[in-house]
Amino acid sequence: MHKKARVAFIRQRLSELYPNPPIPLAHHDAFTLLIAVLLSAQCTDERVNQVTPGLFALADNPRDMSQVSQQQVYEIIRPCGLAPQKSKAIVKLSQILVEQYNGDVPEDIAALEMLPGVGHKTASVVMSQAFGHPAFPVDTHIHRLAQRWGLSNGRSVVQTEKDLKRLFPRESWNALHLQIIYYGREYCPARNCNGLSCDICKTCFPNRKRPIKTRKA
């Protein structure tokens, strides 16, 4: 199957499986999504969703969060890992939002990337899922599947993002990045399939015999 046909099949199959993919991180506005995505670095969404109710009960907006201590935040988010760095970032970015943006999350990817603890992926998630701007955040699942499906060489997450944006229509990006994440978790996880057994891998590469070794994000 040529790449163009693979891209069409992948998009169709994912849309059949996940027609309206929900955001896996519990949140209620741009700020709580920003914090949840920040917490998800090197942590499962399930664990983040266990931690954020307590955190947002303490403070669920920049003005309140900017007034709490780093230690208070740390005690709540400690199960997420990297808690010292994340707790410092959460309090500091909240202070910046209050001082520079009147307590609002900026609807600008460059401004988001300047916030403490917020990288390109986190900023892209907020831009796409909070504000509706087309973006293609690449996490470990997307980076892995793009390689297994022959859509990118996996040299870097930056390259994977460029390749996927070039292959898929702009209007599909926001749903598609969620669809790939769900598919990767359910059907094509890191320690199984290896490019050989899930429906999409078998359909796209029916003659593949050897496991695909993917580069990590």
C-alpha atoms as a PDB file:
ATOM      1  CA  MET A   1       0.000   0.000   0.000  1.00  0.00           C
ATOM      2  CA  HIS A   2       1.437   3.358  -1.057  1.00  0.00           C
ATOM      3  CA  LYS A   3       1.753   6.160   1.497  1.00  0.00           C
ATOM      4  CA  LYS A   4      -1.176   8.146   0.102  1.00  0.00           C
ATOM      5  CA  ALA A   5      -3.433   5.093   0.419  1.00  0.00           C
ATOM      6  CA  ARG A   6      -2.114   4.391   3.926  1.00  0.00           C
ATOM      7  CA  VAL A   7      -2.888   7.933   5.012  1.00  0.00           C
ATOM      8  CA  ALA A   8      -6.453   7.700   3.676  1.00  0.00           C
ATOM      9  CA  PHE A   9      -7.040   4.307   5.313  1.00  0.00           C
ATOM     10  CA  ILE A  10      -5.592   5.393   8.652  1.00  0.00           C
ATOM     11  CA  ARG A  11      -7.756   8.500   8.765  1.00  0.00           C
ATOM     12  CA  GLN A  12     -10.879   6.534   7.835  1.00  0.00           C
ATOM     13  CA  ARG A  13     -10.232   3.721  10.323  1.00  0.00           C
ATOM     14  CA  LEU A  14      -9.492   6.062  13.199  1.00  0.00           C
ATOM     15  CA  SER A  15     -12.619   8.084  12.468  1.00  0.00           C
ATOM     16  CA  GLU A  16     -14.670   4.881  12.574  1.00  0.00           C
ATOM     17  CA  LEU A  17     -13.173   3.836  15.907  1.00  0.00           C
ATOM     18  CA  TYR A  18     -13.133   7.269  17.555  1.00  0.00           C
ATOM     19  CA  PRO A  19     -15.615   9.582  15.812  1.00  0.00           C
ATOM     20  CA  ASN A  20     -15.623  12.108  18.663  1.00  0.00           C
ATOM     21  CA  PRO A  21     -12.467  11.540  20.722  1.00  0.00           C
ATOM     22  CA  PRO A  22     -12.663  13.174  24.156  1.00  0.00           C
ATOM     23  CA  ILE A  23      -9.718  14.940  25.764  1.00  0.00           C
ATOM     24  CA  PRO A  24      -8.345  12.340  28.204  1.00  0.00           C
ATOM     25  CA  LEU A  25      -7.336  14.892  30.841  1.00  0.00           C
ATOM     26  CA  ALA A  26     -10.102  16.177  33.117  1.00  0.00           C
ATOM     27  CA  HIS A  27     -10.395  19.977  32.981  1.00  0.00           C
ATOM     28  CA  HIS A  28     -12.980  22.734  32.689  1.00  0.00           C
ATOM     29  CA  ASP A  29     -11.184  25.626  31.008  1.00  0.00           C
ATOM     30  CA  ALA A  30      -7.918  26.636  29.349  1.00  0.00           C
ATOM     31  CA  PHE A  31      -6.076  27.095  32.637  1.00  0.00           C
ATOM     32  CA  THR A  32      -6.993  23.731  34.119  1.00  0.00           C
ATOM     33  CA  LEU A  33      -6.149  22.058  30.797  1.00  0.00           C
ATOM     34  CA  LEU A  34      -2.780  23.817  30.754  1.00  0.00           C
ATOM     35  CA  ILE A  35      -2.001  22.569  34.262  1.00  0.00           C
ATOM     36  CA  ALA A  36      -3.204  19.040  33.526  1.00  0.00           C
ATOM     37  CA  VAL A  37      -1.077  18.776  30.384  1.00  0.00           C
ATOM     38  CA  LEU A  38       1.944  20.150  32.242  1.00  0.00           C
ATOM     39  CA  LEU A  39       1.447  17.473  34.895  1.00  0.00           C
ATOM     40  CA  SER A  40       1.162  14.730  32.276  1.00  0.00           C
ATOM     41  CA  ALA A  41       4.850  14.954  31.332  1.00  0.00           C
ATOM     42  CA  GLN A  42       6.373  11.565  32.208  1.00  0.00           C
ATOM     43  CA  CYS A  43       3.115  10.634  33.930  1.00  0.00           C
ATOM     44  CA  THR A  44      -0.016   8.777  32.871  1.00  0.00           C
ATOM     45  CA  ASP A  45      -3.253  10.628  32.198  1.00  0.00           C
ATOM     46  CA  GLU A  46      -4.933   8.338  34.721  1.00  0.00           C
ATOM     47  CA  ARG A  47      -2.592   9.465  37.472  1.00  0.00           C
ATOM     48  CA  VAL A  48      -3.017  13.119  36.505  1.00  0.00           C
ATOM     49  CA  ASN A  49      -6.793  12.745  36.697  1.00  0.00           C
ATOM     50  CA  GLN A  50      -6.423  11.325  40.196  1.00  0.00           C
ATOM     51  CA  VAL A  51      -4.344  14.285  41.328  1.00  0.00           C
ATOM     52  CA  THR A  52      -6.015  17.296  39.703  1.00  0.00           C
ATOM     53  CA  PRO A  53      -9.307  17.243  41.681  1.00  0.00           C
ATOM     54  CA  GLY A  54      -7.347  17.931  44.853  1.00  0.00           C
ATOM     55  CA  LEU A  55      -5.193  20.530  43.159  1.00  0.00           C
ATOM     56  CA  PHE A  56      -8.121  22.364  41.598  1.00  0.00           C
ATOM     57  CA  ALA A  57      -9.993  22.280  44.892  1.00  0.00           C
ATOM     58  CA  LEU A  58      -7.053  24.247  46.260  1.00  0.00           C
ATOM     59  CA  ALA A  59      -6.957  26.626  43.283  1.00  0.00           C
ATOM     60  CA  ASP A  60      -8.461  26.339  39.812  1.00  0.00           C
ATOM     61  CA  ASN A  61      -7.551  29.735  38.355  1.00  0.00           C
ATOM     62  CA  PRO A  62      -4.339  31.734  37.968  1.00  0.00           C
ATOM     63  CA  ARG A  63      -5.149  34.335  40.638  1.00  0.00           C
ATOM     64  CA  ASP A  64      -5.786  31.756  43.348  1.00  0.00           C
ATOM     65  CA  MET A  65      -2.931  29.485  42.235  1.00  0.00           C
ATOM     66  CA  SER A  66      -0.480  32.393  42.278  1.00  0.00           C
ATOM     67  CA  GLN A  67      -1.203  32.859  45.989  1.00  0.00           C
ATOM     68  CA  VAL A  68      -0.557  29.308  47.178  1.00  0.00           C
ATOM     69  CA  SER A  69       2.857  28.029  48.162  1.00  0.00           C
ATOM     70  CA  GLN A  70       4.987  25.741  46.048  1.00  0.00           C
ATOM     71  CA  GLN A  71       4.991  23.290  48.961  1.00  0.00           C
ATOM     72  CA  GLN A  72       1.196  23.110  48.979  1.00  0.00           C
ATOM     73  CA  VAL A  73       1.163  22.283  45.291  1.00  0.00           C
ATOM     74  CA  TYR A  74       4.019  19.808  45.702  1.00  0.00           C
ATOM     75  CA  GLU A  75       2.217  17.823  48.399  1.00  0.00           C
ATOM     76  CA  ILE A  76      -0.779  17.329  46.098  1.00  0.00           C
ATOM     77  CA  ILE A  77       1.014  16.559  42.835  1.00  0.00           C
ATOM     78  CA  ARG A  78       3.831  14.441  44.300  1.00  0.00           C
ATOM     79  CA  PRO A  79       2.414  11.175  42.820  1.00  0.00           C
ATOM     80  CA  CYS A  80       2.866  12.587  39.306  1.00  0.00           C
ATOM     81  CA  GLY A  81       6.656  12.558  39.359  1.00  0.00           C
ATOM     82  CA  LEU A  82       8.967  15.517  38.754  1.00  0.00           C
ATOM     83  CA  ALA A  83       6.861  17.200  41.425  1.00  0.00           C
ATOM     84  CA  PRO A  84       9.496  19.725  42.600  1.00  0.00           C
ATOM     85  CA  GLN A  85       9.933  21.164  39.113  1.00  0.00           C
ATOM     86  CA  LYS A  86       6.233  20.975  38.254  1.00  0.00           C
ATOM     87  CA  SER A  87       5.058  22.606  41.480  1.00  0.00           C
ATOM     88  CA  LYS A  88       7.493  25.476  40.983  1.00  0.00           C
ATOM     89  CA  ALA A  89       6.374  25.901  37.366  1.00  0.00           C
ATOM     90  CA  ILE A  90       2.663  25.866  38.244  1.00  0.00           C
ATOM     91  CA  VAL A  91       2.962  28.632  40.837  1.00  0.00           C
ATOM     92  CA  LYS A  92       5.317  30.732  38.712  1.00  0.00           C
ATOM     93  CA  LEU A  93       3.289  30.487  35.490  1.00  0.00           C
ATOM     94  CA  SER A  94       0.166  31.421  37.441  1.00  0.00           C
ATOM     95  CA  GLN A  95       1.915  34.537  38.706  1.00  0.00           C
ATOM     96  CA  ILE A  96       2.967  35.410  35.147  1.00  0.00           C
ATOM     97  CA  LEU A  97      -0.581  34.940  33.867  1.00  0.00           C
ATOM     98  CA  VAL A  98      -1.847  37.351  36.507  1.00  0.00           C
ATOM     99  CA  GLU A  99       0.916  39.926  36.021  1.00  0.00           C
ATOM    100  CA  GLN A 100       1.171  39.867  32.227  1.00  0.00           C
ATOM    101  CA  TYR A 101      -2.145  38.511  30.913  1.00  0.00           C
ATOM    102  CA  ASN A 102      -4.758  39.749  33.406  1.00  0.00           C
ATOM    103  CA  GLY A 103      -5.262  36.228  34.691  1.00  0.00           C
ATOM    104  CA  ASP A 104      -6.041  34.735  31.277  1.00  0.00           C
ATOM    105  CA  VAL A 105      -4.249  31.975  29.382  1.00  0.00           C
ATOM    106  CA  PRO A 106      -2.844  33.596  26.215  1.00  0.00           C
ATOM    107  CA  GLU A 107      -4.263  32.354  22.935  1.00  0.00           C
ATOM    108  CA  ASP A 108      -0.822  32.443  21.363  1.00  0.00           C
ATOM    109  CA  ILE A 109       1.564  29.515  21.035  1.00  0.00           C
ATOM    110  CA  ALA A 110       4.729  31.593  21.349  1.00  0.00           C
ATOM    111  CA  ALA A 111       3.451  33.182  24.568  1.00  0.00           C
ATOM    112  CA  LEU A 112       2.466  29.787  25.944  1.00  0.00           C
ATOM    113  CA  GLU A 113       5.890  28.324  25.200  1.00  0.00           C
ATOM    114  CA  MET A 114       7.489  31.125  27.225  1.00  0.00           C
ATOM    115  CA  LEU A 115       5.675  30.032  30.394  1.00  0.00           C
ATOM    116  CA  PRO A 116       7.635  27.950  32.939  1.00  0.00           C
ATOM    117  CA  GLY A 117       7.233  24.208  32.432  1.00  0.00           C
ATOM    118  CA  VAL A 118       5.370  24.640  29.135  1.00  0.00           C
ATOM    119  CA  GLY A 119       7.031  23.168  26.057  1.00  0.00           C
ATOM    120  CA  HIS A 120       5.881  22.977  22.472  1.00  0.00           C
ATOM    121  CA  LYS A 121       3.701  19.895  22.976  1.00  0.00           C
ATOM    122  CA  THR A 122       1.873  21.342  25.970  1.00  0.00           C
ATOM    123  CA  ALA A 123       1.352  24.649  24.187  1.00  0.00           C
ATOM    124  CA  SER A 124       0.067  22.831  21.097  1.00  0.00           C
ATOM    125  CA  VAL A 125      -2.463  20.858  23.143  1.00  0.00           C
ATOM    126  CA  VAL A 126      -3.809  24.048  24.705  1.00  0.00           C
ATOM    127  CA  MET A 127      -3.979  25.808  21.344  1.00  0.00           C
ATOM    128  CA  SER A 128      -5.841  22.902  19.742  1.00  0.00           C
ATOM    129  CA  GLN A 129      -8.100  21.656  22.517  1.00  0.00           C
ATOM    130  CA  ALA A 130      -8.773  24.836  24.494  1.00  0.00           C
ATOM    131  CA  PHE A 131      -8.837  27.370  21.658  1.00  0.00           C
ATOM    132  CA  GLY A 132      -9.608  25.273  18.572  1.00  0.00           C
ATOM    133  CA  HIS A 133      -6.547  26.242  16.537  1.00  0.00           C
ATOM    134  CA  PRO A 134      -5.214  23.492  14.252  1.00  0.00           C
ATOM    135  CA  ALA A 135      -2.199  21.852  15.893  1.00  0.00           C
ATOM    136  CA  PHE A 136      -0.642  18.390  15.961  1.00  0.00           C
ATOM    137  CA  PRO A 137       0.914  17.739  19.376  1.00  0.00           C
ATOM    138  CA  VAL A 138       3.156  14.669  19.188  1.00  0.00           C
ATOM    139  CA  ASP A 139       3.410  12.462  22.262  1.00  0.00           C
ATOM    140  CA  THR A 140       5.121   9.082  22.656  1.00  0.00           C
ATOM    141  CA  HIS A 141       2.159   7.166  21.179  1.00  0.00           C
ATOM    142  CA  ILE A 142       1.995   9.337  18.064  1.00  0.00           C
ATOM    143  CA  HIS A 143       5.768   9.263  17.632  1.00  0.00           C
ATOM    144  CA  ARG A 144       5.744   5.437  17.839  1.00  0.00           C
ATOM    145  CA  LEU A 145       2.776   4.850  15.534  1.00  0.00           C
ATOM    146  CA  ALA A 146       3.968   7.306  12.901  1.00  0.00           C
ATOM    147  CA  GLN A 147       7.057   5.112  12.569  1.00  0.00           C
ATOM    148  CA  ARG A 148       5.160   1.810  12.567  1.00  0.00           C
ATOM    149  CA  TRP A 149       2.834   3.159   9.893  1.00  0.00           C
ATOM    150  CA  GLY A 150       5.690   4.425   7.736  1.00  0.00           C
ATOM    151  CA  LEU A 151       4.647   8.066   8.033  1.00  0.00           C
ATOM    152  CA  SER A 152       7.853   9.382   9.604  1.00  0.00           C
ATOM    153  CA  ASN A 153      11.378   8.150  10.236  1.00  0.00           C
ATOM    154  CA  GLY A 154      11.227   8.959  13.939  1.00  0.00           C
ATOM    155  CA  ARG A 155      14.366  11.079  13.905  1.00  0.00           C
ATOM    156  CA  SER A 156      12.713  13.495  16.346  1.00  0.00           C
ATOM    157  CA  VAL A 157       9.273  14.555  17.547  1.00  0.00           C
ATOM    158  CA  VAL A 158       9.806  17.791  15.631  1.00  0.00           C
ATOM    159  CA  GLN A 159      10.269  15.844  12.409  1.00  0.00           C
ATOM    160  CA  THR A 160       7.303  13.587  13.181  1.00  0.00           C
ATOM    161  CA  GLU A 161       5.077  16.635  13.690  1.00  0.00           C
ATOM    162  CA  LYS A 162       6.230  18.145  10.383  1.00  0.00           C
ATOM    163  CA  ASP A 163       5.632  14.878   8.515  1.00  0.00           C
ATOM    164  CA  LEU A 164       2.140  14.342   9.928  1.00  0.00           C
ATOM    165  CA  LYS A 165       1.109  17.931   9.250  1.00  0.00           C
ATOM    166  CA  ARG A 166       2.250  17.523   5.674  1.00  0.00           C
ATOM    167  CA  LEU A 167       0.381  14.225   5.174  1.00  0.00           C
ATOM    168  CA  PHE A 168      -2.972  14.943   6.844  1.00  0.00           C
ATOM    169  CA  PRO A 169      -5.440  17.782   6.105  1.00  0.00           C
ATOM    170  CA  ARG A 170      -5.202  20.717   8.482  1.00  0.00           C
ATOM    171  CA  GLU A 171      -8.851  20.374   9.491  1.00  0.00           C
ATOM    172  CA  SER A 172      -8.214  16.833  10.758  1.00  0.00           C
ATOM    173  CA  TRP A 173      -5.271  17.573  13.052  1.00  0.00           C
ATOM    174  CA  ASN A 174      -7.071  18.324  16.333  1.00  0.00           C
ATOM    175  CA  ALA A 175      -9.164  15.157  16.310  1.00  0.00           C
ATOM    176  CA  LEU A 176      -6.510  13.017  14.680  1.00  0.00           C
ATOM    177  CA  HIS A 177      -3.861  13.502  17.328  1.00  0.00           C
ATOM    178  CA  LEU A 178      -6.352  12.303  19.959  1.00  0.00           C
ATOM    179  CA  GLN A 179      -7.489   9.400  17.773  1.00  0.00           C
ATOM    180  CA  ILE A 180      -3.917   8.187  17.317  1.00  0.00           C
ATOM    181  CA  ILE A 181      -3.284   8.394  21.063  1.00  0.00           C
ATOM    182  CA  TYR A 182      -6.362   6.297  21.837  1.00  0.00           C
ATOM    183  CA  TYR A 183      -5.500   3.775  19.129  1.00  0.00           C
ATOM    184  CA  GLY A 184      -1.936   3.495  20.376  1.00  0.00           C
ATOM    185  CA  ARG A 185      -3.091   2.788  23.895  1.00  0.00           C
ATOM    186  CA  GLU A 186      -5.796   0.307  22.930  1.00  0.00           C
ATOM    187  CA  TYR A 187      -4.473  -1.550  19.894  1.00  0.00           C
ATOM    188  CA  CYS A 188      -0.829  -0.687  19.180  1.00  0.00           C
ATOM    189  CA  PRO A 189       0.967  -0.202  22.527  1.00  0.00           C
ATOM    190  CA  ALA A 190       4.707   0.033  22.944  1.00  0.00           C
ATOM    191  CA  ARG A 191       5.231  -3.518  24.175  1.00  0.00           C
ATOM    192  CA  ASN A 192       2.869  -5.271  21.788  1.00  0.00           C
ATOM    193  CA  CYS A 193       2.060  -5.294  18.077  1.00  0.00           C
ATOM    194  CA  ASN A 194       5.523  -4.009  17.042  1.00  0.00           C
ATOM    195  CA  GLY A 195       4.067  -3.185  13.653  1.00  0.00           C
ATOM    196  CA  LEU A 196       2.805  -6.720  13.047  1.00  0.00           C
ATOM    197  CA  SER A 197      -0.536  -7.491  14.669  1.00  0.00           C
ATOM    198  CA  CYS A 198      -2.934  -4.537  15.021  1.00  0.00           C
ATOM    199  CA  ASP A 199      -5.519  -3.865  12.320  1.00  0.00           C
ATOM    200  CA  ILE A 200      -3.866  -0.766  10.880  1.00  0.00           C
ATOM    201  CA  CYS A 201      -0.350  -2.220  10.860  1.00  0.00           C
ATOM    202  CA  LYS A 202      -1.507  -5.443   9.183  1.00  0.00           C
ATOM    203  CA  THR A 203      -3.607  -3.607   6.615  1.00  0.00           C
ATOM    204  CA  CYS A 204      -0.936  -1.062   5.731  1.00  0.00           C
ATOM    205  CA  PHE A 205       1.911  -3.588   5.683  1.00  0.00           C
ATOM    206  CA  PRO A 206       0.436  -7.060   5.003  1.00  0.00           C
ATOM    207  CA  ASN A 207       3.812  -8.492   3.976  1.00  0.00           C
ATOM    208  CA  ARG A 208       5.776  -7.183   6.943  1.00  0.00           C
ATOM    209  CA  LYS A 209       7.516 -10.067   8.735  1.00  0.00           C
ATOM    210  CA  ARG A 210       9.902  -8.472  11.216  1.00  0.00           C
ATOM    211  CA  PRO A 211       9.056  -6.320  14.244  1.00  0.00           C
ATOM    212  CA  ILE A 212       9.574  -2.595  13.799  1.00  0.00           C
ATOM    213  CA  LYS A 213      12.064  -1.060  16.181  1.00  0.00           C
ATOM    214  CA  THR A 214      10.944   2.513  16.799  1.00  0.00           C
ATOM    215  CA  ARG A 215      12.936   5.451  18.061  1.00  0.00           C
ATOM    216  CA  LYS A 216      11.795   6.912  21.355  1.00  0.00           C
ATOM    217  CA  ALA A 217      10.484  10.454  21.575  1.00  0.00           C
END
